[in-house]
Amino acid sequence: MAGIDDIQDQIIEEFAPLNEWFDRYERLIAFGSEMPRLSEAERTDDNLINDCQSRLWLAAELIDGRLVFYADSEAKIT
């Protein structure tokens, strides 16, 4: 599993050539569409984040000593 510094460097590299705000926004939306969706079983009221403009669910699990978060939203970008 890549470390946080490696992941940060990958994100910087991905966005560096995008000079226009709209291009960055489109890439961010594309990233979101590539992410796996939460299952219906995970889209519960317990995982629902209150006070967002769109419905947003956040789930987490412990994997190999790391806390891994998963999110899903009805919006294209949250």
C-alpha atoms as a PDB file:
ATOM      1  CA  MET A   1       0.000   0.000   0.000  1.00  0.00           C
ATOM      2  CA  ALA A   2       1.349   3.435  -0.935  1.00  0.00           C
ATOM      3  CA  GLY A   3       2.200   5.825   1.860  1.00  0.00           C
ATOM      4  CA  ILE A   4       0.479   9.171   2.299  1.00  0.00           C
ATOM      5  CA  ASP A   5       3.463  11.059   0.838  1.00  0.00           C
ATOM      6  CA  ASP A   6       3.362   8.896  -2.295  1.00  0.00           C
ATOM      7  CA  ILE A   7      -0.366   9.440  -2.681  1.00  0.00           C
ATOM      8  CA  GLN A   8       0.046  13.186  -2.201  1.00  0.00           C
ATOM      9  CA  ASP A   9       2.763  13.263  -4.880  1.00  0.00           C
ATOM     10  CA  GLN A  10       0.514  11.349  -7.298  1.00  0.00           C
ATOM     11  CA  ILE A  11      -2.323  13.828  -6.770  1.00  0.00           C
ATOM     12  CA  ILE A  12      -0.003  16.813  -7.271  1.00  0.00           C
ATOM     13  CA  GLU A  13       1.382  15.237 -10.454  1.00  0.00           C
ATOM     14  CA  GLU A  14      -2.126  14.564 -11.765  1.00  0.00           C
ATOM     15  CA  PHE A  15      -3.319  18.142 -11.230  1.00  0.00           C
ATOM     16  CA  ALA A  16      -0.094  20.069 -11.999  1.00  0.00           C
ATOM     17  CA  PRO A  17      -0.623  20.332 -15.782  1.00  0.00           C
ATOM     18  CA  LEU A  18      -4.204  21.554 -15.325  1.00  0.00           C
ATOM     19  CA  ASN A  19      -3.996  25.340 -15.263  1.00  0.00           C
ATOM     20  CA  GLU A  20      -7.685  26.135 -15.561  1.00  0.00           C
ATOM     21  CA  TRP A  21      -9.992  25.818 -12.561  1.00  0.00           C
ATOM     22  CA  PHE A  22     -12.670  24.138 -14.719  1.00  0.00           C
ATOM     23  CA  ASP A  23     -10.191  21.450 -15.883  1.00  0.00           C
ATOM     24  CA  ARG A  24      -9.265  20.690 -12.279  1.00  0.00           C
ATOM     25  CA  TYR A  25     -12.936  20.512 -11.348  1.00  0.00           C
ATOM     26  CA  GLU A  26     -13.624  18.072 -14.211  1.00  0.00           C
ATOM     27  CA  ARG A  27     -10.688  15.873 -13.164  1.00  0.00           C
ATOM     28  CA  LEU A  28     -11.928  15.826  -9.581  1.00  0.00           C
ATOM     29  CA  ILE A  29     -15.367  14.710 -10.775  1.00  0.00           C
ATOM     30  CA  ALA A  30     -13.719  12.017 -12.924  1.00  0.00           C
ATOM     31  CA  PHE A  31     -11.819  10.748  -9.874  1.00  0.00           C
ATOM     32  CA  GLY A  32     -15.093  10.507  -7.989  1.00  0.00           C
ATOM     33  CA  SER A  33     -16.800   8.569 -10.771  1.00  0.00           C
ATOM     34  CA  GLU A  34     -13.920   6.055 -10.740  1.00  0.00           C
ATOM     35  CA  MET A  35     -14.364   5.313  -7.039  1.00  0.00           C
ATOM     36  CA  PRO A  36     -16.425   2.314  -5.939  1.00  0.00           C
ATOM     37  CA  ARG A  37     -19.914   3.054  -4.654  1.00  0.00           C
ATOM     38  CA  LEU A  38     -20.967   2.094  -1.147  1.00  0.00           C
ATOM     39  CA  SER A  39     -23.336  -0.826  -0.997  1.00  0.00           C
ATOM     40  CA  GLU A  40     -26.954  -0.261  -0.063  1.00  0.00           C
ATOM     41  CA  ALA A  41     -26.173  -1.924   3.284  1.00  0.00           C
ATOM     42  CA  GLU A  42     -23.584   0.814   3.982  1.00  0.00           C
ATOM     43  CA  ARG A  43     -25.890   3.652   2.899  1.00  0.00           C
ATOM     44  CA  THR A  44     -27.637   3.778   6.267  1.00  0.00           C
ATOM     45  CA  ASP A  45     -28.730   6.636   8.495  1.00  0.00           C
ATOM     46  CA  ASP A  46     -25.842   5.742  10.826  1.00  0.00           C
ATOM     47  CA  ASN A  47     -23.371   6.512   8.005  1.00  0.00           C
ATOM     48  CA  LEU A  48     -25.224   9.581   6.712  1.00  0.00           C
ATOM     49  CA  ILE A  49     -23.464  12.913   7.268  1.00  0.00           C
ATOM     50  CA  ASN A  50     -25.963  15.539   8.394  1.00  0.00           C
ATOM     51  CA  ASP A  51     -26.215  19.110   7.097  1.00  0.00           C
ATOM     52  CA  CYS A  52     -24.690  18.510   3.654  1.00  0.00           C
ATOM     53  CA  GLN A  53     -26.468  19.933   0.614  1.00  0.00           C
ATOM     54  CA  SER A  54     -26.594  16.453  -0.893  1.00  0.00           C
ATOM     55  CA  ARG A  55     -26.809  13.114   0.833  1.00  0.00           C
ATOM     56  CA  LEU A  56     -23.334  11.900   1.815  1.00  0.00           C
ATOM     57  CA  TRP A  57     -22.450   8.614   3.471  1.00  0.00           C
ATOM     58  CA  LEU A  58     -19.143   7.867   5.188  1.00  0.00           C
ATOM     59  CA  ALA A  59     -18.024   4.396   6.247  1.00  0.00           C
ATOM     60  CA  ALA A  60     -14.717   3.197   7.701  1.00  0.00           C
ATOM     61  CA  GLU A  61     -12.904  -0.017   8.462  1.00  0.00           C
ATOM     62  CA  LEU A  62      -9.591  -1.005   9.999  1.00  0.00           C
ATOM     63  CA  ILE A  63      -7.285  -2.751   7.500  1.00  0.00           C
ATOM     64  CA  ASP A  64      -3.775  -3.819   8.523  1.00  0.00           C
ATOM     65  CA  GLY A  65      -3.655  -1.237  11.301  1.00  0.00           C
ATOM     66  CA  ARG A  66      -4.891   1.596   9.041  1.00  0.00           C
ATOM     67  CA  LEU A  67      -8.248   3.278   9.226  1.00  0.00           C
ATOM     68  CA  VAL A  68      -9.675   3.320   5.687  1.00  0.00           C
ATOM     69  CA  PHE A  69     -12.581   5.614   4.839  1.00  0.00           C
ATOM     70  CA  TYR A  70     -15.148   5.125   2.091  1.00  0.00           C
ATOM     71  CA  ALA A  71     -17.567   7.804   0.995  1.00  0.00           C
ATOM     72  CA  ASP A  72     -20.493   8.021  -1.367  1.00  0.00           C
ATOM     73  CA  SER A  73     -22.715  10.895  -2.370  1.00  0.00           C
ATOM     74  CA  GLU A  74     -25.667  11.645  -4.576  1.00  0.00           C
ATOM     75  CA  ALA A  75     -23.785  14.668  -5.926  1.00  0.00           C
ATOM     76  CA  LYS A  76     -21.001  14.607  -8.528  1.00  0.00           C
ATOM     77  CA  ILE A  77     -18.705  16.423  -6.109  1.00  0.00           C
ATOM     78  CA  THR A  78     -18.955  16.814  -2.367  1.00  0.00           C
END
